Amino acid sequence: MKKNQLLQAGSLSESRRKFLEKAGLATVIGTFGISFFTSCVSSEEPDSTTPPPNTTAPNGITISGSTVQVNLTIQNKLAASGGWLLITSAKTLVANLNGTYVALSSICTHSGCFDSWSFTNSRFTCTCHNSIFDTAGKVVQGPANQPLDVYSTSVSGSTLTINK
């Protein structure tokens, strides 16, 4: 075979070029799915400065802007001293300490985890990296080195109100 027979040159027609572009795009979308191209859009990232929308759940918890109300007759996890709640939609921890209620941010100051907590011996533990906080939000054990935000609480009748 001669060397010049191995090389060929030419140009694609406009319609052929468009066909190949569409076929290539269809192959990529078919392989990865459309979510691949939209999964990291920054507009879908939650805005931590915007309060959650008004929501009422059948579990007795109502969230309206920066106010969270807990119906203590429905939400009986707070009935006894040592009882506690993690309200993920409000990013809030609540505990009953001998009839007094404390509320803290559930956004760990170490890495921002907000939905992995435990509560024992009047200590909140972020189970993402085991930072421990007391009921006043102060760091007892790191790796976190900043306290949790503390929210005011009040009780009227059977409703606990948390103001963030």
N, C-alpha and C. Protein backbone atom coordinates (compact mmCIF):
# COMPACT_ATOMS: atom_id res chain seq x y z
N MET A 1 0.84 -1.17 0.00
CA MET A 1 0.00 0.00 0.00
C MET A 1 0.89 1.23 0.00
N LYS A 2 0.54 2.17 -0.80
CA LYS A 2 1.31 3.40 -0.88
C LYS A 2 0.94 4.32 0.28
N LYS A 3 1.90 5.15 0.69
CA LYS A 3 1.71 6.05 1.83
C LYS A 3 0.56 7.02 1.61
N ASN A 4 0.38 7.56 0.44
CA ASN A 4 -0.69 8.52 0.22
C ASN A 4 -2.07 7.88 0.23
N GLN A 5 -2.15 6.55 0.13
CA GLN A 5 -3.43 5.88 0.20
C GLN A 5 -3.91 5.75 1.66
N LEU A 6 -3.02 5.87 2.65
CA LEU A 6 -3.40 5.77 4.05
C LEU A 6 -4.05 7.05 4.55
N LEU A 7 -3.81 8.15 3.93
CA LEU A 7 -4.37 9.42 4.35
C LEU A 7 -5.49 9.82 3.41
N GLN A 8 -6.57 10.26 4.01
CA GLN A 8 -7.65 10.78 3.19
C GLN A 8 -8.10 12.09 3.80
N ALA A 9 -8.54 12.96 3.00
CA ALA A 9 -9.00 14.26 3.46
C ALA A 9 -10.37 14.51 2.87
N GLY A 10 -11.10 15.38 3.51
CA GLY A 10 -12.41 15.72 3.00
C GLY A 10 -13.11 16.61 4.00
N SER A 11 -14.34 16.90 3.74
CA SER A 11 -15.13 17.70 4.66
C SER A 11 -16.52 17.13 4.73
N LEU A 12 -17.12 17.29 5.90
CA LEU A 12 -18.48 16.81 6.10
C LEU A 12 -19.47 17.86 5.63
N SER A 13 -20.57 17.38 5.11
CA SER A 13 -21.62 18.32 4.77
C SER A 13 -22.22 18.87 6.06
N GLU A 14 -22.86 20.03 5.98
CA GLU A 14 -23.46 20.66 7.16
C GLU A 14 -24.47 19.73 7.82
N SER A 15 -25.31 19.06 7.05
CA SER A 15 -26.33 18.18 7.62
C SER A 15 -25.69 16.97 8.30
N ARG A 16 -24.61 16.44 7.72
CA ARG A 16 -23.91 15.30 8.32
C ARG A 16 -23.25 15.72 9.64
N ARG A 17 -22.65 16.90 9.69
CA ARG A 17 -22.00 17.42 10.89
C ARG A 17 -23.03 17.58 12.00
N LYS A 18 -24.20 18.14 11.69
CA LYS A 18 -25.25 18.32 12.70
C LYS A 18 -25.75 16.97 13.21
N PHE A 19 -25.87 16.01 12.28
CA PHE A 19 -26.31 14.67 12.68
C PHE A 19 -25.32 14.06 13.67
N LEU A 20 -24.04 14.16 13.38
CA LEU A 20 -23.03 13.60 14.27
C LEU A 20 -23.00 14.29 15.62
N GLU A 21 -23.18 15.61 15.66
CA GLU A 21 -23.23 16.34 16.92
C GLU A 21 -24.41 15.86 17.77
N LYS A 22 -25.58 15.73 17.16
CA LYS A 22 -26.77 15.27 17.89
C LYS A 22 -26.62 13.83 18.35
N ALA A 23 -26.04 12.99 17.49
CA ALA A 23 -25.84 11.59 17.87
C ALA A 23 -24.87 11.49 19.03
N GLY A 24 -23.81 12.30 19.01
CA GLY A 24 -22.85 12.30 20.11
C GLY A 24 -23.47 12.76 21.41
N LEU A 25 -24.26 13.83 21.36
CA LEU A 25 -24.94 14.33 22.56
C LEU A 25 -25.92 13.29 23.10
N ALA A 26 -26.66 12.66 22.21
CA ALA A 26 -27.62 11.63 22.63
C ALA A 26 -26.89 10.47 23.30
N THR A 27 -25.72 10.11 22.79
CA THR A 27 -24.95 9.03 23.39
C THR A 27 -24.48 9.40 24.79
N VAL A 28 -23.99 10.62 24.97
CA VAL A 28 -23.53 11.07 26.28
C VAL A 28 -24.68 11.12 27.27
N ILE A 29 -25.81 11.70 26.86
CA ILE A 29 -26.97 11.78 27.76
C ILE A 29 -27.48 10.39 28.08
N GLY A 30 -27.50 9.51 27.09
CA GLY A 30 -27.94 8.14 27.32
C GLY A 30 -27.03 7.40 28.28
N THR A 31 -25.75 7.69 28.23
CA THR A 31 -24.78 7.02 29.09
C THR A 31 -24.84 7.55 30.52
N PHE A 32 -24.83 8.86 30.68
CA PHE A 32 -24.77 9.46 32.01
C PHE A 32 -26.12 9.88 32.56
N GLY A 33 -27.09 10.08 31.72
CA GLY A 33 -28.38 10.57 32.17
C GLY A 33 -28.36 12.08 32.25
N ILE A 34 -29.50 12.68 32.12
CA ILE A 34 -29.60 14.14 32.13
C ILE A 34 -29.23 14.72 33.49
N SER A 35 -29.42 13.94 34.59
CA SER A 35 -29.10 14.45 35.93
C SER A 35 -27.61 14.74 36.08
N PHE A 36 -26.76 14.09 35.28
CA PHE A 36 -25.33 14.37 35.33
C PHE A 36 -25.04 15.83 35.03
N PHE A 37 -25.78 16.40 34.10
CA PHE A 37 -25.53 17.77 33.68
C PHE A 37 -26.20 18.80 34.58
N THR A 38 -27.18 18.39 35.37
CA THR A 38 -27.90 19.34 36.22
C THR A 38 -27.66 19.12 37.70
N SER A 39 -26.89 18.10 38.09
CA SER A 39 -26.78 17.75 39.50
C SER A 39 -25.97 18.74 40.33
N CYS A 40 -25.13 19.52 39.73
CA CYS A 40 -24.28 20.43 40.50
C CYS A 40 -24.59 21.88 40.22
N VAL A 41 -25.81 22.17 39.83
CA VAL A 41 -26.19 23.55 39.57
C VAL A 41 -26.29 24.27 40.89
N SER A 42 -25.60 25.41 41.02
CA SER A 42 -25.56 26.10 42.31
C SER A 42 -26.91 26.63 42.75
N SER A 43 -27.83 26.87 41.82
CA SER A 43 -29.13 27.39 42.23
C SER A 43 -29.94 26.34 42.98
N GLU A 44 -29.54 25.08 42.91
CA GLU A 44 -30.24 24.04 43.65
C GLU A 44 -29.69 23.84 45.04
N GLU A 45 -28.57 24.48 45.35
CA GLU A 45 -27.98 24.36 46.67
C GLU A 45 -28.90 25.03 47.69
N PRO A 46 -29.10 24.39 48.86
CA PRO A 46 -29.94 25.04 49.86
C PRO A 46 -29.30 26.32 50.36
N ASP A 47 -30.11 27.31 50.62
CA ASP A 47 -29.63 28.59 51.13
C ASP A 47 -29.82 28.56 52.64
N SER A 48 -28.72 28.47 53.38
CA SER A 48 -28.82 28.33 54.83
C SER A 48 -29.28 29.62 55.51
N THR A 49 -29.28 30.74 54.79
CA THR A 49 -29.73 31.99 55.40
C THR A 49 -31.23 32.18 55.26
N THR A 50 -31.85 31.45 54.36
CA THR A 50 -33.29 31.56 54.16
C THR A 50 -34.00 30.59 55.09
N PRO A 51 -34.95 31.08 55.90
CA PRO A 51 -35.66 30.17 56.79
C PRO A 51 -36.51 29.20 55.97
N PRO A 52 -36.79 28.01 56.53
CA PRO A 52 -37.60 27.06 55.79
C PRO A 52 -39.00 27.61 55.59
N PRO A 53 -39.71 27.11 54.57
CA PRO A 53 -41.07 27.57 54.34
C PRO A 53 -41.97 27.14 55.49
N ASN A 54 -43.14 27.77 55.58
CA ASN A 54 -44.09 27.39 56.61
C ASN A 54 -44.54 25.96 56.37
N THR A 55 -44.35 25.12 57.39
CA THR A 55 -44.77 23.74 57.27
C THR A 55 -45.42 23.29 58.56
N THR A 56 -46.41 22.46 58.44
CA THR A 56 -47.05 21.85 59.59
C THR A 56 -47.06 20.35 59.35
N ALA A 57 -46.55 19.61 60.30
CA ALA A 57 -46.49 18.16 60.14
C ALA A 57 -47.48 17.50 61.10
N PRO A 58 -47.93 16.31 60.77
CA PRO A 58 -48.85 15.61 61.67
C PRO A 58 -48.20 15.20 62.98
N ASN A 59 -46.89 15.40 63.10
CA ASN A 59 -46.19 15.04 64.34
C ASN A 59 -46.24 16.15 65.39
N GLY A 60 -47.01 17.21 65.12
CA GLY A 60 -47.17 18.28 66.10
C GLY A 60 -46.12 19.36 66.03
N ILE A 61 -45.34 19.41 64.98
CA ILE A 61 -44.31 20.42 64.84
C ILE A 61 -44.68 21.36 63.70
N THR A 62 -44.73 22.67 64.00
CA THR A 62 -45.05 23.69 63.01
C THR A 62 -43.86 24.62 62.87
N ILE A 63 -43.46 24.85 61.63
CA ILE A 63 -42.34 25.76 61.36
C ILE A 63 -42.87 26.92 60.54
N SER A 64 -42.65 28.12 61.06
CA SER A 64 -43.09 29.33 60.36
C SER A 64 -41.95 30.34 60.42
N GLY A 65 -41.20 30.43 59.32
CA GLY A 65 -40.04 31.32 59.30
C GLY A 65 -39.02 30.88 60.32
N SER A 66 -38.68 31.76 61.26
CA SER A 66 -37.68 31.43 62.28
C SER A 66 -38.32 30.98 63.59
N THR A 67 -39.61 30.66 63.56
CA THR A 67 -40.31 30.18 64.75
C THR A 67 -40.71 28.72 64.56
N VAL A 68 -40.41 27.92 65.57
CA VAL A 68 -40.79 26.51 65.56
C VAL A 68 -41.70 26.29 66.76
N GLN A 69 -42.86 25.69 66.52
CA GLN A 69 -43.77 25.37 67.61
C GLN A 69 -43.94 23.86 67.68
N VAL A 70 -43.87 23.35 68.91
CA VAL A 70 -44.00 21.92 69.15
C VAL A 70 -45.19 21.70 70.05
N ASN A 71 -46.17 20.93 69.57
CA ASN A 71 -47.32 20.56 70.38
C ASN A 71 -46.85 19.41 71.27
N LEU A 72 -46.70 19.68 72.56
CA LEU A 72 -46.12 18.70 73.49
C LEU A 72 -47.06 17.53 73.77
N THR A 73 -48.36 17.68 73.50
CA THR A 73 -49.26 16.55 73.70
C THR A 73 -49.14 15.55 72.54
N ILE A 74 -48.82 16.05 71.36
CA ILE A 74 -48.62 15.16 70.21
C ILE A 74 -47.18 14.65 70.17
N GLN A 75 -46.24 15.55 70.39
CA GLN A 75 -44.82 15.20 70.32
C GLN A 75 -44.36 14.79 71.72
N ASN A 76 -44.61 13.54 72.08
CA ASN A 76 -44.36 13.08 73.45
C ASN A 76 -42.91 12.68 73.72
N LYS A 77 -42.02 12.82 72.74
CA LYS A 77 -40.61 12.53 72.98
C LYS A 77 -39.99 13.52 73.95
N LEU A 78 -40.63 14.68 74.12
CA LEU A 78 -40.13 15.69 75.05
C LEU A 78 -40.84 15.65 76.40
N ALA A 79 -41.70 14.64 76.60
CA ALA A 79 -42.52 14.60 77.81
C ALA A 79 -41.70 14.42 79.08
N ALA A 80 -40.69 13.59 79.04
CA ALA A 80 -39.90 13.30 80.25
C ALA A 80 -38.56 14.01 80.19
N SER A 81 -38.01 14.27 81.39
CA SER A 81 -36.69 14.86 81.46
C SER A 81 -35.69 13.93 80.76
N GLY A 82 -34.84 14.52 79.94
CA GLY A 82 -33.89 13.73 79.15
C GLY A 82 -34.41 13.42 77.76
N GLY A 83 -35.70 13.69 77.53
CA GLY A 83 -36.25 13.50 76.19
C GLY A 83 -35.71 14.57 75.25
N TRP A 84 -35.58 14.23 73.99
CA TRP A 84 -35.00 15.19 73.05
C TRP A 84 -35.53 14.94 71.65
N LEU A 85 -35.37 15.96 70.81
CA LEU A 85 -35.78 15.90 69.41
C LEU A 85 -34.71 16.51 68.53
N LEU A 86 -34.59 15.97 67.35
CA LEU A 86 -33.83 16.60 66.28
C LEU A 86 -34.87 16.95 65.22
N ILE A 87 -35.09 18.24 65.01
CA ILE A 87 -36.05 18.69 64.00
C ILE A 87 -35.23 19.06 62.77
N THR A 88 -35.06 18.11 61.86
CA THR A 88 -34.16 18.31 60.73
C THR A 88 -34.63 19.42 59.81
N SER A 89 -35.93 19.55 59.62
CA SER A 89 -36.43 20.59 58.71
C SER A 89 -36.18 21.99 59.25
N ALA A 90 -35.99 22.13 60.55
CA ALA A 90 -35.68 23.42 61.16
C ALA A 90 -34.21 23.48 61.62
N LYS A 91 -33.47 22.40 61.41
CA LYS A 91 -32.07 22.29 61.83
C LYS A 91 -31.92 22.72 63.29
N THR A 92 -32.73 22.05 64.13
CA THR A 92 -32.82 22.42 65.54
C THR A 92 -32.80 21.19 66.43
N LEU A 93 -32.06 21.27 67.53
CA LEU A 93 -32.06 20.26 68.59
C LEU A 93 -32.86 20.81 69.76
N VAL A 94 -33.68 19.97 70.38
CA VAL A 94 -34.47 20.38 71.54
C VAL A 94 -34.35 19.30 72.60
N ALA A 95 -34.22 19.70 73.87
CA ALA A 95 -34.16 18.73 74.96
C ALA A 95 -34.95 19.23 76.15
N ASN A 96 -35.52 18.28 76.89
CA ASN A 96 -36.22 18.56 78.14
C ASN A 96 -35.24 18.30 79.27
N LEU A 97 -34.90 19.36 80.01
CA LEU A 97 -34.00 19.24 81.15
C LEU A 97 -34.78 19.54 82.41
N ASN A 98 -35.35 18.51 83.00
CA ASN A 98 -36.15 18.65 84.23
C ASN A 98 -37.27 19.67 84.07
N GLY A 99 -37.96 19.63 82.94
CA GLY A 99 -39.09 20.52 82.70
C GLY A 99 -38.72 21.84 82.05
N THR A 100 -37.46 22.11 81.88
CA THR A 100 -36.99 23.29 81.16
C THR A 100 -36.52 22.84 79.79
N TYR A 101 -36.89 23.58 78.77
CA TYR A 101 -36.54 23.18 77.40
C TYR A 101 -35.39 24.04 76.88
N VAL A 102 -34.43 23.37 76.26
CA VAL A 102 -33.33 24.05 75.60
C VAL A 102 -33.41 23.74 74.11
N ALA A 103 -33.02 24.72 73.31
CA ALA A 103 -33.01 24.53 71.86
C ALA A 103 -31.70 25.09 71.30
N LEU A 104 -31.09 24.32 70.43
CA LEU A 104 -29.80 24.68 69.83
C LEU A 104 -29.85 24.43 68.33
N SER A 105 -28.96 25.07 67.63
CA SER A 105 -28.79 24.77 66.21
C SER A 105 -28.28 23.35 66.07
N SER A 106 -28.77 22.62 65.08
CA SER A 106 -28.24 21.27 64.84
C SER A 106 -27.17 21.28 63.76
N ILE A 107 -26.71 22.47 63.37
CA ILE A 107 -25.64 22.56 62.37
C ILE A 107 -24.31 22.53 63.12
N CYS A 108 -23.63 21.41 63.06
CA CYS A 108 -22.36 21.25 63.78
C CYS A 108 -21.35 22.27 63.28
N THR A 109 -20.67 22.90 64.19
CA THR A 109 -19.70 23.94 63.83
C THR A 109 -18.39 23.35 63.30
N HIS A 110 -18.26 22.03 63.35
CA HIS A 110 -17.05 21.41 62.80
C HIS A 110 -17.14 21.27 61.29
N SER A 111 -18.18 20.59 60.81
CA SER A 111 -18.24 20.34 59.36
C SER A 111 -19.61 20.60 58.75
N GLY A 112 -20.52 21.14 59.53
CA GLY A 112 -21.82 21.49 58.98
C GLY A 112 -22.84 20.37 58.95
N CYS A 113 -22.52 19.21 59.51
CA CYS A 113 -23.52 18.13 59.58
C CYS A 113 -24.70 18.66 60.40
N PHE A 114 -25.92 18.30 60.01
CA PHE A 114 -27.07 18.78 60.75
C PHE A 114 -28.09 17.69 61.06
N ASP A 115 -27.87 16.49 60.59
CA ASP A 115 -28.89 15.46 60.76
C ASP A 115 -28.39 14.18 61.41
N SER A 116 -27.27 14.23 62.11
CA SER A 116 -26.70 13.04 62.75
C SER A 116 -26.31 13.35 64.19
N TRP A 117 -27.28 13.23 65.09
CA TRP A 117 -27.05 13.60 66.49
C TRP A 117 -27.53 12.51 67.44
N SER A 118 -26.93 12.48 68.62
CA SER A 118 -27.43 11.67 69.73
C SER A 118 -27.40 12.56 70.98
N PHE A 119 -28.15 12.13 72.00
CA PHE A 119 -28.22 12.91 73.24
C PHE A 119 -28.22 11.95 74.41
N THR A 120 -27.18 12.01 75.23
CA THR A 120 -27.10 11.20 76.45
C THR A 120 -26.34 12.00 77.50
N ASN A 121 -26.74 11.80 78.76
CA ASN A 121 -26.07 12.46 79.89
C ASN A 121 -25.95 13.97 79.69
N SER A 122 -27.01 14.59 79.20
CA SER A 122 -27.06 16.04 78.97
C SER A 122 -25.96 16.51 78.01
N ARG A 123 -25.62 15.68 77.06
CA ARG A 123 -24.61 16.02 76.05
C ARG A 123 -25.15 15.66 74.67
N PHE A 124 -25.02 16.60 73.74
CA PHE A 124 -25.35 16.35 72.34
C PHE A 124 -24.08 15.93 71.62
N THR A 125 -24.14 14.84 70.88
CA THR A 125 -22.99 14.36 70.12
C THR A 125 -23.33 14.37 68.65
N CYS A 126 -22.54 15.11 67.87
CA CYS A 126 -22.67 15.08 66.42
C CYS A 126 -21.96 13.80 65.98
N THR A 127 -22.70 12.86 65.47
CA THR A 127 -22.14 11.56 65.14
C THR A 127 -21.39 11.55 63.80
N CYS A 128 -21.32 12.70 63.12
CA CYS A 128 -20.50 12.77 61.90
C CYS A 128 -19.02 12.60 62.25
N HIS A 129 -18.54 13.34 63.29
CA HIS A 129 -17.13 13.30 63.67
C HIS A 129 -16.96 13.30 65.19
N ASN A 130 -18.05 13.04 65.92
CA ASN A 130 -18.04 12.89 67.38
C ASN A 130 -17.68 14.14 68.17
N SER A 131 -18.06 15.31 67.67
CA SER A 131 -17.96 16.52 68.49
C SER A 131 -19.06 16.45 69.54
N ILE A 132 -18.75 16.87 70.76
CA ILE A 132 -19.71 16.81 71.85
C ILE A 132 -19.94 18.22 72.38
N PHE A 133 -21.23 18.54 72.62
CA PHE A 133 -21.63 19.87 73.10
C PHE A 133 -22.50 19.69 74.34
N ASP A 134 -22.41 20.65 75.27
CA ASP A 134 -23.30 20.61 76.42
C ASP A 134 -24.63 21.25 76.04
N THR A 135 -25.56 21.31 76.98
CA THR A 135 -26.89 21.84 76.67
C THR A 135 -26.92 23.35 76.54
N ALA A 136 -25.80 24.01 76.81
CA ALA A 136 -25.68 25.45 76.56
C ALA A 136 -25.00 25.70 75.21
N GLY A 137 -24.72 24.63 74.46
CA GLY A 137 -24.11 24.74 73.14
C GLY A 137 -22.60 24.78 73.14
N LYS A 138 -21.98 24.76 74.33
CA LYS A 138 -20.51 24.86 74.41
C LYS A 138 -19.85 23.53 74.03
N VAL A 139 -18.69 23.64 73.39
CA VAL A 139 -17.94 22.46 72.98
C VAL A 139 -17.35 21.78 74.21
N VAL A 140 -17.65 20.50 74.37
CA VAL A 140 -17.08 19.69 75.44
C VAL A 140 -15.89 18.90 74.90
N GLN A 141 -16.03 18.43 73.67
CA GLN A 141 -14.97 17.67 73.01
C GLN A 141 -15.02 17.94 71.52
N GLY A 142 -13.86 18.23 70.91
CA GLY A 142 -13.77 18.51 69.48
C GLY A 142 -13.84 17.25 68.66
N PRO A 143 -13.75 17.45 67.37
CA PRO A 143 -12.98 18.44 66.66
C PRO A 143 -13.63 19.82 66.53
N ALA A 144 -14.91 19.97 66.79
CA ALA A 144 -15.52 21.31 66.72
C ALA A 144 -14.83 22.22 67.73
N ASN A 145 -14.68 23.50 67.37
CA ASN A 145 -14.07 24.44 68.32
C ASN A 145 -14.93 25.69 68.52
N GLN A 146 -16.11 25.71 67.94
CA GLN A 146 -17.05 26.82 68.11
C GLN A 146 -18.35 26.28 68.69
N PRO A 147 -19.03 27.04 69.55
CA PRO A 147 -20.28 26.56 70.15
C PRO A 147 -21.43 26.55 69.14
N LEU A 148 -22.47 25.83 69.49
CA LEU A 148 -23.70 25.83 68.70
C LEU A 148 -24.53 27.06 69.07
N ASP A 149 -25.30 27.57 68.12
CA ASP A 149 -26.21 28.68 68.41
C ASP A 149 -27.29 28.20 69.37
N VAL A 150 -27.66 29.05 70.32
CA VAL A 150 -28.70 28.75 71.30
C VAL A 150 -29.92 29.58 70.95
N TYR A 151 -31.10 28.94 71.01
CA TYR A 151 -32.36 29.62 70.69
C TYR A 151 -33.21 29.75 71.95
N SER A 152 -34.01 30.80 71.99
CA SER A 152 -34.89 31.00 73.14
C SER A 152 -36.10 30.09 73.03
N THR A 153 -36.61 29.68 74.18
CA THR A 153 -37.78 28.81 74.24
C THR A 153 -38.78 29.37 75.24
N SER A 154 -40.05 29.06 75.01
CA SER A 154 -41.11 29.41 75.96
C SER A 154 -42.22 28.38 75.81
N VAL A 155 -42.96 28.19 76.89
CA VAL A 155 -44.07 27.24 76.88
C VAL A 155 -45.34 27.97 77.25
N SER A 156 -46.38 27.75 76.46
CA SER A 156 -47.71 28.28 76.75
C SER A 156 -48.69 27.14 76.58
N GLY A 157 -49.27 26.72 77.70
CA GLY A 157 -50.16 25.56 77.65
C GLY A 157 -49.36 24.33 77.26
N SER A 158 -49.74 23.71 76.16
CA SER A 158 -49.02 22.51 75.70
C SER A 158 -48.18 22.80 74.45
N THR A 159 -47.87 24.08 74.23
CA THR A 159 -47.08 24.46 73.04
C THR A 159 -45.73 25.02 73.45
N LEU A 160 -44.69 24.38 72.96
CA LEU A 160 -43.33 24.86 73.13
C LEU A 160 -43.00 25.70 71.90
N THR A 161 -42.56 26.94 72.12
CA THR A 161 -42.18 27.83 71.01
C THR A 161 -40.68 28.07 71.08
N ILE A 162 -40.05 27.89 69.93
CA ILE A 162 -38.60 28.11 69.78
C ILE A 162 -38.43 29.27 68.82
N ASN A 163 -37.69 30.30 69.24
CA ASN A 163 -37.41 31.44 68.39
C ASN A 163 -35.93 31.41 68.01
N LYS A 164 -35.70 31.28 66.72
CA LYS A 164 -34.33 31.19 66.22
C LYS A 164 -33.78 32.57 65.89
